[in-house]
Amino acid sequence: MAVNAKNKRKLIYNGQLFYWYVRKNQDGIPRLHIISDNKKVNLDRPLFDAEVTVVREYVVKQLDDYYSR
């Protein structure tokens, strides 16, 4: 089953489709969520700086860090 893409941004990384979005947790702290289309990868990362806009390059860096482990 695929991910609900409503209100999420798409990203192709190494030929695989990912969706990402930013939401605040229960404490009001913004978190970056990255989900693969097949839901095998589900990352929940804190933002480096809550005042800076998240851009595609930041999401790609997070995926690079995840896959380099």
N, C-alpha and C. Protein backbone atom coordinates (compact mmCIF):
# COMPACT_ATOMS: atom_id res chain seq x y z
N MET A 1 0.85 -1.18 0.00
CA MET A 1 0.00 0.00 0.00
C MET A 1 0.89 1.24 0.00
N ALA A 2 0.54 2.18 -0.81
CA ALA A 2 1.34 3.41 -0.96
C ALA A 2 1.02 4.42 0.14
N VAL A 3 1.87 5.40 0.24
CA VAL A 3 1.73 6.48 1.22
C VAL A 3 0.69 7.49 0.71
N ASN A 4 -0.10 8.01 1.62
CA ASN A 4 -1.03 9.09 1.27
C ASN A 4 -0.18 10.34 0.99
N ALA A 5 -0.24 10.81 -0.24
CA ALA A 5 0.64 11.91 -0.65
C ALA A 5 0.07 13.29 -0.38
N LYS A 6 -1.10 13.37 0.19
CA LYS A 6 -1.72 14.67 0.45
C LYS A 6 -0.87 15.46 1.45
N ASN A 7 -0.58 16.70 1.11
CA ASN A 7 0.21 17.62 1.94
C ASN A 7 1.64 17.16 2.18
N LYS A 8 2.18 16.37 1.25
CA LYS A 8 3.56 15.91 1.35
C LYS A 8 4.29 16.27 0.06
N ARG A 9 5.59 16.42 0.17
CA ARG A 9 6.42 16.73 -1.01
C ARG A 9 7.08 15.45 -1.49
N LYS A 10 7.23 15.34 -2.83
CA LYS A 10 7.85 14.16 -3.43
C LYS A 10 9.33 14.41 -3.66
N LEU A 11 10.08 13.31 -3.61
CA LEU A 11 11.51 13.36 -3.87
C LEU A 11 11.93 12.01 -4.44
N ILE A 12 12.66 12.03 -5.55
CA ILE A 12 13.24 10.80 -6.10
C ILE A 12 14.69 10.76 -5.63
N TYR A 13 15.05 9.70 -4.92
CA TYR A 13 16.40 9.53 -4.39
C TYR A 13 16.90 8.15 -4.81
N ASN A 14 17.96 8.12 -5.59
CA ASN A 14 18.52 6.86 -6.11
C ASN A 14 17.46 5.99 -6.77
N GLY A 15 16.57 6.62 -7.52
CA GLY A 15 15.54 5.89 -8.26
C GLY A 15 14.36 5.45 -7.44
N GLN A 16 14.32 5.81 -6.15
CA GLN A 16 13.22 5.42 -5.27
C GLN A 16 12.42 6.66 -4.88
N LEU A 17 11.11 6.53 -4.80
CA LEU A 17 10.23 7.63 -4.46
C LEU A 17 10.11 7.77 -2.95
N PHE A 18 10.32 9.00 -2.46
CA PHE A 18 10.15 9.32 -1.05
C PHE A 18 9.19 10.49 -0.92
N TYR A 19 8.50 10.55 0.20
CA TYR A 19 7.66 11.69 0.55
C TYR A 19 8.23 12.29 1.83
N TRP A 20 8.18 13.61 1.92
CA TRP A 20 8.66 14.25 3.13
C TRP A 20 7.75 15.41 3.52
N TYR A 21 7.75 15.70 4.82
CA TYR A 21 6.94 16.79 5.36
C TYR A 21 7.49 17.16 6.74
N VAL A 22 7.10 18.33 7.21
CA VAL A 22 7.51 18.81 8.53
C VAL A 22 6.25 18.99 9.37
N ARG A 23 6.27 18.42 10.56
CA ARG A 23 5.16 18.57 11.50
C ARG A 23 5.72 18.75 12.90
N LYS A 24 4.96 19.43 13.72
CA LYS A 24 5.36 19.60 15.12
C LYS A 24 4.91 18.39 15.92
N ASN A 25 5.76 17.99 16.88
CA ASN A 25 5.37 16.89 17.77
C ASN A 25 4.52 17.43 18.91
N GLN A 26 4.20 16.58 19.87
CA GLN A 26 3.30 16.99 20.96
C GLN A 26 3.89 18.09 21.84
N ASP A 27 5.21 18.28 21.77
CA ASP A 27 5.86 19.34 22.53
C ASP A 27 5.99 20.63 21.73
N GLY A 28 5.51 20.64 20.49
CA GLY A 28 5.57 21.82 19.65
C GLY A 28 6.88 22.00 18.92
N ILE A 29 7.70 20.95 18.89
CA ILE A 29 9.00 21.02 18.23
C ILE A 29 8.86 20.46 16.81
N PRO A 30 9.26 21.23 15.79
CA PRO A 30 9.14 20.74 14.41
C PRO A 30 10.07 19.56 14.14
N ARG A 31 9.54 18.55 13.44
CA ARG A 31 10.30 17.35 13.08
C ARG A 31 10.16 17.08 11.59
N LEU A 32 11.23 16.59 10.98
CA LEU A 32 11.22 16.22 9.57
C LEU A 32 10.87 14.75 9.46
N HIS A 33 9.87 14.42 8.65
CA HIS A 33 9.45 13.04 8.42
C HIS A 33 9.74 12.70 6.96
N ILE A 34 10.41 11.57 6.74
CA ILE A 34 10.73 11.09 5.40
C ILE A 34 10.24 9.65 5.31
N ILE A 35 9.41 9.36 4.31
CA ILE A 35 8.82 8.03 4.16
C ILE A 35 9.02 7.56 2.73
N SER A 36 9.48 6.32 2.57
CA SER A 36 9.59 5.75 1.23
C SER A 36 8.20 5.34 0.77
N ASP A 37 8.02 5.24 -0.54
CA ASP A 37 6.72 4.91 -1.11
C ASP A 37 6.23 3.54 -0.64
N ASN A 38 7.16 2.60 -0.43
CA ASN A 38 6.77 1.27 0.03
C ASN A 38 6.75 1.16 1.56
N LYS A 39 7.01 2.25 2.25
CA LYS A 39 6.97 2.38 3.71
C LYS A 39 8.06 1.59 4.44
N LYS A 40 9.09 1.15 3.73
CA LYS A 40 10.18 0.43 4.40
C LYS A 40 11.12 1.38 5.13
N VAL A 41 11.22 2.61 4.64
CA VAL A 41 12.04 3.63 5.30
C VAL A 41 11.09 4.68 5.86
N ASN A 42 11.20 4.91 7.17
CA ASN A 42 10.35 5.89 7.84
C ASN A 42 11.23 6.64 8.85
N LEU A 43 11.73 7.80 8.44
CA LEU A 43 12.64 8.58 9.28
C LEU A 43 11.90 9.72 9.96
N ASP A 44 12.26 9.97 11.18
CA ASP A 44 11.71 11.08 11.96
C ASP A 44 12.91 11.79 12.58
N ARG A 45 13.28 12.94 12.04
CA ARG A 45 14.50 13.63 12.45
C ARG A 45 14.19 15.02 12.99
N PRO A 46 14.97 15.46 13.99
CA PRO A 46 14.82 16.84 14.43
C PRO A 46 15.41 17.78 13.38
N LEU A 47 14.90 18.98 13.33
CA LEU A 47 15.43 19.97 12.40
C LEU A 47 16.68 20.59 13.01
N PHE A 48 17.64 20.92 12.16
CA PHE A 48 18.87 21.57 12.61
C PHE A 48 18.57 22.92 13.22
N ASP A 49 17.69 23.68 12.57
CA ASP A 49 17.30 25.00 13.05
C ASP A 49 15.82 25.20 12.72
N ALA A 50 14.98 25.37 13.71
CA ALA A 50 13.54 25.48 13.50
C ALA A 50 13.15 26.75 12.75
N GLU A 51 14.04 27.72 12.68
CA GLU A 51 13.74 28.99 12.02
C GLU A 51 14.08 28.98 10.53
N VAL A 52 14.80 27.95 10.08
CA VAL A 52 15.25 27.87 8.69
C VAL A 52 14.30 26.98 7.90
N THR A 53 13.98 27.38 6.69
CA THR A 53 13.11 26.60 5.82
C THR A 53 13.81 25.33 5.37
N VAL A 54 13.08 24.21 5.40
CA VAL A 54 13.62 22.94 4.93
C VAL A 54 13.56 22.92 3.41
N VAL A 55 14.66 22.57 2.78
CA VAL A 55 14.74 22.50 1.33
C VAL A 55 15.14 21.09 0.92
N ARG A 56 15.01 20.82 -0.37
CA ARG A 56 15.28 19.50 -0.91
C ARG A 56 16.69 19.01 -0.55
N GLU A 57 17.67 19.87 -0.60
CA GLU A 57 19.05 19.49 -0.32
C GLU A 57 19.21 18.96 1.11
N TYR A 58 18.49 19.55 2.05
CA TYR A 58 18.54 19.08 3.44
C TYR A 58 17.95 17.68 3.56
N VAL A 59 16.87 17.42 2.85
CA VAL A 59 16.24 16.10 2.87
C VAL A 59 17.18 15.08 2.23
N VAL A 60 17.81 15.44 1.13
CA VAL A 60 18.77 14.54 0.47
C VAL A 60 19.94 14.23 1.41
N LYS A 61 20.42 15.22 2.14
CA LYS A 61 21.51 15.00 3.10
C LYS A 61 21.08 14.02 4.18
N GLN A 62 19.85 14.12 4.66
CA GLN A 62 19.37 13.19 5.68
C GLN A 62 19.32 11.76 5.12
N LEU A 63 18.89 11.63 3.87
CA LEU A 63 18.86 10.29 3.25
C LEU A 63 20.27 9.78 3.00
N ASP A 64 21.19 10.66 2.60
CA ASP A 64 22.60 10.26 2.44
C ASP A 64 23.14 9.72 3.76
N ASP A 65 22.87 10.43 4.85
CA ASP A 65 23.34 9.99 6.17
C ASP A 65 22.73 8.64 6.56
N TYR A 66 21.46 8.45 6.26
CA TYR A 66 20.77 7.20 6.60
C TYR A 66 21.36 6.02 5.82
N TYR A 67 21.58 6.20 4.52
CA TYR A 67 22.07 5.11 3.70
C TYR A 67 23.58 4.89 3.81
N SER A 68 24.31 5.83 4.39
CA SER A 68 25.76 5.65 4.54
C SER A 68 26.12 4.84 5.78
N ARG A 69 25.17 4.57 6.62
CA ARG A 69 25.44 3.78 7.84
C ARG A 69 25.66 2.34 7.54
